[in-house]
Structure formats: structure tokens, C-alpha cells
Amino acid sequence: MSDQPFGRSRRDFMRIAVTAGTTAALPWMQDAHAQSPASSATPAPAAGLPAKGTQLILLGTKGGPTPSDLRAAPANVLVVDGQPYVIDCGNGVALQLTKAGIKLPGIRDIFLTHHHSDHNADLGNLVFLAWATGLHTPVNLYGPPRMTKMIDDFVDMNAIDLDVRMREEGRPPFRPLINIHEFDGPRLVMEDDRVRVTSTLVDHYTIKPAFAYRFETKDRTVVFSGDTTYYPALAEFAKGADVLVHEVMYLPALQKLMKTVDNAPTLLDHLVKSHTTTEQVGKIAAAAGVKTLVLSHFVPGGDPAITDEMWAADARKHFDGQVIVGKDLQVI
């Protein structure tokens, strides 16, 4: 039998067959190739998300790096007129964004509050998974120093995979798509026609710098505390905001938590000096005069015995606005 079916070599025939089969089986490839860099600068809003207005989605609400089946790792996304702005990248953030109905190739801006692994573990991986799903346009990363080294090390670690996907799948060069903006103090972080983002320093014990972010859109102002101990200056930064998303620690549960770990004294000292109690969060929200307080980054975040009322009760002693005990993938 000839190795030249229909005048082509068997190798060429198989290449054509595999290419055709892959394109037919993977619709996202058709979408990615149809989307030019120029046309994707302002992508269509994700399915089910409003084309106008500001929407907050809590992607992950657990504090700390230990995985839990109750809550995902810390991450948020603010969707403004259909465009997502990601805040923090805990483990699994790409999956949580997908569950929220957000198409990864539409991501343009990612903000990091600080360098703790529950906030930065998937920073590089989120951009990589967006790229592997069809990203062709630049992504901007904003946050504390050393992000550049993190990304460069990530690229080096994944060099084999990146090279294969560029060569065999037609992906664009990966590293040139990433623009990194590092800073170590309060500043105007970025501004476009949808949102103005500013930062301030907060107190997260030995992790410095650590930032809170304020997002001002045409219809809402949303402030993210990042990780911080009780820090009265944050109230001024959040003054008059519609929504304050604040980390929270439930002190009565720490004694129970300490019985389950072998580094109890050291961990307890870290937690007490690094996080804000339920009562202190209420004081910050009241001093800021915000409309809605969203509790998130729960410490401890893996204890089902802590009810929503237990999380909220102390905050309500000082704050008479709306208190929301955050849930993964909750839309606010």
C-alpha cells in the first residue's frame, strides 16, 4: 500500500487530520483566533454579567493557605461595565473566575495586596491559564515589589510548556504580554475610563508593604482592606465608600484552632498581630461611614461551627449599616 494517500504523505495527512479534529473539538481555539488584539482591548462582558454598572464577586473568602472544602482561597473580582478587575490570586483563582462566568482571556488588570502565599500563589498561573485559553492582549499586574522576580521565575519554571504551546498551538510569546507595576507606598495605582484605583499602606505585622485598594467607578466605590491588624487610618482611606470588604478574625475560635496545630504559640502570636477582630472591623466600618460592610478572609476560615451570626454579631455592636458575611462566588 502506498504511503501517499491522495497525493500526500501519511505524515501530512495525519497533521491535517489532527489539526482539523482539534479545532473542531476545542471551540475556544476558534474564539481565540477570531479575536484580534485590536478588537479585544474592550472585550464583551462575560455571560450573565451586566454590560453596565459595578458588580463585586467574592471569588474566595477563606484566610490562610490551608485548603478547605468550606471556602476557596482569597480572591475578588470587581466587574465594571463588563470588564473584570482581579484583586488577589489565591490558589484556584482561575477556576473561581470561570465559575463566576468570567472568560479568562478578558482579564486586563490584576492587583496584589501583599506577598502572602494565600494571596499570590496563583498570580503567574492566572495569567498563564488565560494565555492558554486564548489571551492575546497585555495584562497589567499592580502591587508590591518582587512581582517581577516572581513572574520571571514562573516563566523560567514553565519554559518547556510555554515553548511547546507557542510552537505547537500558535500561542503568542507569553512574557511580553505581562506589564508589571511595582510600588511600595500610597499612590494612584491606575485610572482608565471605567475606574480609578488608589492604594494605601496597612499594617500586616512583618509583611511590608501591604496594601488596601480603593476602586472608584461611576456608580460605586469599593474598598478592599487586604490583610491588616486593627488600623484606624484605614477608616479615613475608606471614608464614604459604598462597600468595604474587610478581613476578619473570630477570637473565640482561636483557642480551638490552637489545639489542632503543632506550632500553636508562634501561630497564635502571628494571627493576633496580623488580623482584625470581628469587633474591630465594626469600628473601622463605622468610622469610615460606609454603607455596606462585607466580611471576608475569615480567620479561622475552615470551622463550620462558626455561624454567620457569630461572625457578624460583634461588628454590629459598632456598625449599624448592612453587614454581609461573605460566601464564595457571592455577587454584591
Protein backbone atom coordinates (compact mmCIF):
# COMPACT_ATOMS: atom_id res chain seq x y z
CA MET A 1 0.00 0.00 0.00
CA SER A 2 1.29 3.45 -0.86
CA ASP A 3 2.36 5.90 1.85
CA GLN A 4 0.99 8.70 -0.35
CA PRO A 5 -2.84 8.77 0.16
CA PHE A 6 -4.47 11.24 -2.24
CA GLY A 7 -1.08 12.52 -3.29
CA ARG A 8 0.02 13.50 0.27
CA SER A 9 2.45 11.81 2.64
CA ARG A 10 0.97 9.96 5.59
CA ARG A 11 2.63 12.49 7.92
CA ASP A 12 0.93 15.42 6.16
CA PHE A 13 -2.39 13.60 6.18
CA MET A 14 -2.17 12.97 9.93
CA ARG A 15 -1.15 16.58 10.58
CA ILE A 16 -4.19 17.87 8.70
CA ALA A 17 -6.49 15.39 10.40
CA VAL A 18 -5.23 16.24 13.90
CA THR A 19 -5.41 19.98 13.24
CA ALA A 20 -8.94 19.73 11.92
CA GLY A 21 -10.05 17.49 14.75
CA THR A 22 -8.51 19.70 17.42
CA THR A 23 -10.10 22.84 16.03
CA ALA A 24 -13.49 21.20 15.88
CA ALA A 25 -13.21 19.78 19.39
CA LEU A 26 -11.98 22.94 21.10
CA PRO A 27 -14.28 25.90 20.40
CA TRP A 28 -12.13 28.29 22.42
CA MET A 29 -9.42 27.98 19.79
CA GLN A 30 -11.78 29.34 17.17
CA ASP A 31 -12.75 32.17 19.51
CA ALA A 32 -9.13 33.00 20.27
CA HIS A 33 -8.03 33.12 16.63
CA ALA A 34 -11.08 35.16 15.67
CA GLN A 35 -10.24 37.74 18.34
CA SER A 36 -7.60 40.18 17.17
CA PRO A 37 -5.53 42.18 19.66
CA ALA A 38 -7.14 45.41 18.48
CA SER A 39 -10.71 44.20 18.84
CA SER A 40 -10.12 42.57 22.24
CA ALA A 41 -8.94 45.71 24.02
CA THR A 42 -12.50 46.11 25.29
CA PRO A 43 -13.91 42.57 25.39
CA ALA A 44 -17.58 41.76 25.54
CA PRO A 45 -18.85 41.26 29.09
CA ALA A 46 -18.84 37.74 30.44
CA ALA A 47 -22.00 35.73 30.01
CA GLY A 48 -24.56 36.63 32.65
CA LEU A 49 -22.69 39.75 33.80
CA PRO A 50 -24.14 43.23 33.23
CA ALA A 51 -22.63 45.34 30.46
CA LYS A 52 -23.11 48.45 32.62
CA GLY A 53 -22.56 49.16 36.28
CA THR A 54 -20.29 47.81 39.01
CA GLN A 55 -20.56 44.32 40.42
CA LEU A 56 -18.42 42.76 43.16
CA ILE A 57 -17.89 38.99 43.15
CA LEU A 58 -16.22 37.30 46.11
CA LEU A 59 -14.16 34.55 44.50
CA GLY A 60 -12.60 33.11 47.66
CA THR A 61 -13.27 34.06 51.28
CA LYS A 62 -11.01 31.87 53.43
CA GLY A 63 -7.97 33.30 55.15
CA GLY A 64 -4.72 31.37 55.20
CA PRO A 65 -3.04 28.95 52.80
CA THR A 66 -4.51 25.70 54.15
CA PRO A 67 -7.10 24.31 51.69
CA SER A 68 -10.66 23.85 52.93
CA ASP A 69 -13.80 22.36 51.43
CA LEU A 70 -15.79 25.20 53.02
CA ARG A 71 -14.17 28.22 51.35
CA ALA A 72 -11.76 28.95 48.50
CA ALA A 73 -8.51 30.91 48.87
CA PRO A 74 -8.62 34.73 48.97
CA ALA A 75 -9.53 36.50 45.74
CA ASN A 76 -12.07 39.02 44.48
CA VAL A 77 -13.12 40.46 41.16
CA LEU A 78 -14.78 43.81 40.51
CA VAL A 79 -16.64 43.84 37.21
CA VAL A 80 -17.07 47.38 35.87
CA ASP A 81 -19.13 47.82 32.70
CA GLY A 82 -18.38 44.20 31.86
CA GLN A 83 -14.60 44.43 32.42
CA PRO A 84 -13.08 42.34 35.25
CA TYR A 85 -10.50 43.73 37.68
CA VAL A 86 -8.99 40.97 39.83
CA ILE A 87 -7.85 41.58 43.40
CA ASP A 88 -5.50 38.91 44.81
CA CYS A 89 -4.78 35.49 43.38
CA GLY A 90 -5.10 32.72 45.94
CA ASN A 91 -4.90 29.09 44.93
CA GLY A 92 -7.62 28.22 42.40
CA VAL A 93 -8.48 31.78 41.35
CA ALA A 94 -8.78 30.83 37.67
CA LEU A 95 -11.33 28.14 38.48
CA GLN A 96 -13.31 30.54 40.66
CA LEU A 97 -13.36 33.15 37.91
CA THR A 98 -14.61 30.54 35.48
CA LYS A 99 -17.34 29.51 37.90
CA ALA A 100 -18.31 33.18 38.14
CA GLY A 101 -18.84 33.28 34.37
CA ILE A 102 -15.78 35.37 33.56
CA LYS A 103 -13.75 34.49 30.47
CA LEU A 104 -10.08 34.40 31.36
CA PRO A 105 -8.82 35.97 28.09
CA GLY A 106 -10.77 39.11 29.03
CA ILE A 107 -8.58 39.82 32.06
CA ARG A 108 -6.53 43.02 31.74
CA ASP A 109 -5.71 44.16 35.31
CA ILE A 110 -4.69 42.22 38.44
CA PHE A 111 -3.98 43.82 41.83
CA LEU A 112 -1.98 42.18 44.60
CA THR A 113 -2.38 43.36 48.19
CA HIS A 114 0.73 41.68 49.62
CA HIS A 115 3.12 38.74 49.40
CA HIS A 116 1.47 36.02 51.44
CA SER A 117 1.00 32.73 49.61
CA ASP A 118 -2.77 32.68 50.10
CA HIS A 119 -2.86 35.91 48.07
CA ASN A 120 -0.16 35.44 45.44
CA ALA A 121 0.11 31.67 44.88
CA ASP A 122 -1.69 31.77 41.52
CA LEU A 123 -0.56 35.18 40.29
CA GLY A 124 1.53 33.75 37.46
CA ASN A 125 -0.78 30.81 36.96
CA LEU A 126 -3.84 33.00 36.37
CA VAL A 127 -2.13 34.84 33.53
CA PHE A 128 -0.79 31.56 32.16
CA LEU A 129 -4.22 29.91 32.14
CA ALA A 130 -5.72 32.99 30.47
CA TRP A 131 -2.96 32.78 27.85
CA ALA A 132 -3.53 29.06 27.35
CA THR A 133 -7.22 29.84 26.81
CA GLY A 134 -6.64 32.46 24.12
CA LEU A 135 -5.23 35.62 25.72
CA HIS A 136 -3.56 37.81 23.10
CA THR A 137 -3.61 41.22 24.81
CA PRO A 138 -1.44 42.67 27.61
CA VAL A 139 -2.17 42.10 31.29
CA ASN A 140 -1.13 44.64 33.91
CA LEU A 141 -0.02 43.49 37.36
CA TYR A 142 -0.04 46.03 40.20
CA GLY A 143 1.36 45.58 43.68
CA PRO A 144 4.39 45.35 45.96
CA PRO A 145 8.00 44.84 44.86
CA ARG A 146 9.26 41.40 43.79
CA MET A 147 6.36 40.67 41.46
CA THR A 148 8.76 40.99 38.54
CA LYS A 149 11.03 38.33 40.01
CA MET A 150 8.03 36.11 40.71
CA ILE A 151 6.85 36.30 37.11
CA ASP A 152 10.33 35.84 35.66
CA ASP A 153 10.86 32.77 37.85
CA PHE A 154 7.43 31.47 36.84
CA VAL A 155 8.34 31.83 33.17
CA ASP A 156 11.62 30.02 33.74
CA MET A 157 9.90 27.22 35.68
CA ASN A 158 7.36 26.73 32.90
CA ALA A 159 9.72 27.27 29.96
CA ILE A 160 9.15 23.81 28.47
CA ASP A 161 5.37 24.11 28.47
CA LEU A 162 5.40 27.70 27.24
CA ASP A 163 7.71 26.82 24.37
CA VAL A 164 5.61 23.84 23.31
CA ARG A 165 2.36 25.83 23.32
CA MET A 166 3.89 28.67 21.33
CA ARG A 167 5.41 26.28 18.81
CA GLU A 168 2.62 23.70 18.52
CA GLU A 169 -0.52 25.70 19.37
CA GLY A 170 0.36 29.06 17.86
CA ARG A 171 0.28 30.97 21.14
CA PRO A 172 1.93 34.40 21.21
CA PRO A 173 5.08 34.95 23.31
CA PHE A 174 3.98 34.87 26.95
CA ARG A 175 6.29 37.16 28.92
CA PRO A 176 5.88 40.25 26.66
CA LEU A 177 2.14 40.22 27.44
CA ILE A 178 2.77 40.96 31.14
CA ASN A 179 3.33 44.55 32.28
CA ILE A 180 4.34 44.85 35.93
CA HIS A 181 3.82 47.98 38.03
CA GLU A 182 5.52 47.70 41.44
CA PHE A 183 5.22 50.28 44.21
CA ASP A 184 5.92 50.45 47.94
CA GLY A 185 3.66 53.23 49.20
CA PRO A 186 0.32 55.03 48.82
CA ARG A 187 -0.38 56.21 45.28
CA LEU A 188 -2.75 56.48 42.36
CA VAL A 189 -2.34 52.95 41.05
CA MET A 190 -4.19 53.18 37.75
CA GLU A 191 -7.03 55.02 36.04
CA ASP A 192 -8.99 54.27 32.91
CA ASP A 193 -12.40 55.23 31.55
CA ARG A 194 -14.12 52.82 33.96
CA VAL A 195 -12.33 53.05 37.29
CA ARG A 196 -9.85 54.98 39.39
CA VAL A 197 -7.73 52.87 41.76
CA THR A 198 -5.72 54.20 44.70
CA SER A 199 -3.74 52.40 47.40
CA THR A 200 -2.75 52.94 51.00
CA LEU A 201 -0.50 51.07 53.38
CA VAL A 202 -2.00 48.86 56.08
CA ASP A 203 -0.37 47.02 58.99
CA HIS A 204 0.09 43.30 58.37
CA TYR A 205 2.75 42.69 61.01
CA THR A 206 6.03 41.73 59.31
CA ILE A 207 4.70 41.65 55.73
CA LYS A 208 5.64 45.05 54.31
CA PRO A 209 4.41 46.65 52.22
CA ALA A 210 0.81 45.51 52.47
CA PHE A 211 -1.91 47.47 50.69
CA ALA A 212 -5.57 48.30 50.77
CA TYR A 213 -7.17 49.38 47.48
CA ARG A 214 -9.97 51.84 46.74
CA PHE A 215 -11.86 51.42 43.45
CA GLU A 216 -13.98 54.40 42.37
CA THR A 217 -16.36 53.83 39.47
CA LYS A 218 -19.20 55.92 38.04
CA ASP A 219 -21.77 54.30 40.30
CA ARG A 220 -19.95 52.77 43.31
CA THR A 221 -16.85 52.98 45.46
CA VAL A 222 -15.47 49.69 46.78
CA VAL A 223 -12.57 49.38 49.22
CA PHE A 224 -10.59 46.19 49.87
CA SER A 225 -8.73 46.14 53.19
CA GLY A 226 -6.23 43.47 52.23
CA ASP A 227 -4.75 41.75 55.29
CA THR A 228 -4.31 44.03 58.27
CA THR A 229 -4.44 44.26 62.01
CA TYR A 230 -6.79 46.88 63.50
CA TYR A 231 -5.69 50.00 61.66
CA PRO A 232 -7.73 53.18 62.29
CA ALA A 233 -6.09 55.02 59.38
CA LEU A 234 -7.86 52.60 57.04
CA ALA A 235 -11.18 54.20 58.03
CA GLU A 236 -10.07 57.50 56.52
CA PHE A 237 -9.00 55.77 53.30
CA ALA A 238 -12.42 54.06 53.09
CA LYS A 239 -14.36 57.23 54.00
CA GLY A 240 -17.80 57.32 52.37
CA ALA A 241 -17.33 54.12 50.34
CA ASP A 242 -20.38 52.18 49.29
CA VAL A 243 -18.75 48.84 50.13
CA LEU A 244 -15.87 47.93 52.43
CA VAL A 245 -14.56 44.38 52.01
CA HIS A 246 -12.62 43.72 55.20
CA GLU A 247 -10.72 40.74 56.50
CA VAL A 248 -11.92 39.38 59.86
CA MET A 249 -10.78 37.16 62.73
CA TYR A 250 -13.05 35.45 65.28
CA LEU A 251 -11.05 35.44 68.51
CA PRO A 252 -13.10 32.86 70.46
CA ALA A 253 -12.31 30.22 67.83
CA LEU A 254 -8.54 30.63 68.03
CA GLN A 255 -8.26 28.54 71.19
CA LYS A 256 -9.94 25.63 69.41
CA LEU A 257 -7.70 26.11 66.37
CA MET A 258 -4.56 26.07 68.50
CA LYS A 259 -5.39 22.56 69.71
CA THR A 260 -5.14 21.24 66.14
CA VAL A 261 -1.69 22.58 65.17
CA ASP A 262 1.83 21.81 66.33
CA ASN A 263 3.06 25.41 66.10
CA ALA A 264 0.38 26.90 68.34
CA PRO A 265 2.32 29.60 70.26
CA THR A 266 4.01 31.01 67.16
CA LEU A 267 0.87 30.84 65.02
CA LEU A 268 -1.28 32.47 67.69
CA ASP A 269 1.18 35.35 68.03
CA HIS A 270 1.16 35.83 64.24
CA LEU A 271 -2.62 35.78 63.96
CA VAL A 272 -3.25 38.22 66.78
CA LYS A 273 -0.69 40.69 65.43
CA SER A 274 -1.76 40.34 61.78
CA HIS A 275 -5.55 40.40 61.68
CA THR A 276 -8.61 42.41 62.73
CA THR A 277 -11.18 41.05 65.16
CA THR A 278 -14.92 40.98 64.47
CA GLU A 279 -15.49 43.87 66.88
CA GLN A 280 -12.64 45.96 65.50
CA VAL A 281 -13.96 45.55 61.94
CA GLY A 282 -17.24 47.12 63.07
CA LYS A 283 -15.35 50.09 64.48
CA ILE A 284 -13.49 50.64 61.20
CA ALA A 285 -16.71 50.46 59.15
CA ALA A 286 -18.47 52.90 61.49
CA ALA A 287 -15.61 55.39 61.46
CA ALA A 288 -15.46 55.21 57.67
CA GLY A 289 -19.20 55.76 57.31
CA VAL A 290 -19.52 53.08 54.64
CA LYS A 291 -22.91 51.79 53.55
CA THR A 292 -22.10 48.08 53.46
CA LEU A 293 -19.50 46.03 55.31
CA VAL A 294 -18.55 42.74 53.67
CA LEU A 295 -16.72 40.31 55.93
CA SER A 296 -14.23 38.12 54.12
CA HIS A 297 -10.83 36.42 54.51
CA PHE A 298 -12.19 34.59 57.54
CA VAL A 299 -9.70 33.56 60.24
CA PRO A 300 -10.19 30.76 61.02
CA GLY A 301 -11.96 30.01 57.75
CA GLY A 302 -12.37 26.26 57.98
CA ASP A 303 -14.54 25.90 61.08
CA PRO A 304 -18.18 25.11 60.24
CA ALA A 305 -19.16 25.66 63.87
CA ILE A 306 -18.79 29.44 63.45
CA THR A 307 -22.18 30.65 62.20
CA ASP A 308 -22.87 33.77 60.15
CA GLU A 309 -24.39 35.40 63.22
CA MET A 310 -21.24 34.70 65.22
CA TRP A 311 -19.13 36.39 62.55
CA ALA A 312 -21.42 39.44 62.36
CA ALA A 313 -22.60 39.98 65.93
CA ASP A 314 -19.60 41.91 67.28
CA ALA A 315 -19.32 44.07 64.17
CA ARG A 316 -22.96 45.11 64.59
CA LYS A 317 -22.20 46.44 68.07
CA HIS A 318 -20.46 49.39 66.44
CA PHE A 319 -21.72 49.50 62.85
CA ASP A 320 -25.41 49.97 62.04
CA GLY A 321 -25.12 49.66 58.26
CA GLN A 322 -25.54 46.50 56.23
CA VAL A 323 -23.25 43.63 57.26
CA ILE A 324 -22.72 40.80 54.77
CA VAL A 325 -20.96 37.61 55.82
CA GLY A 326 -19.26 36.77 52.57
CA LYS A 327 -19.61 33.49 50.68
CA ASP A 328 -17.57 32.16 47.77
CA LEU A 329 -18.96 33.36 44.41
CA GLN A 330 -21.38 35.73 46.14
CA VAL A 331 -22.36 38.69 43.96
CA ILE A 332 -22.70 42.08 45.68
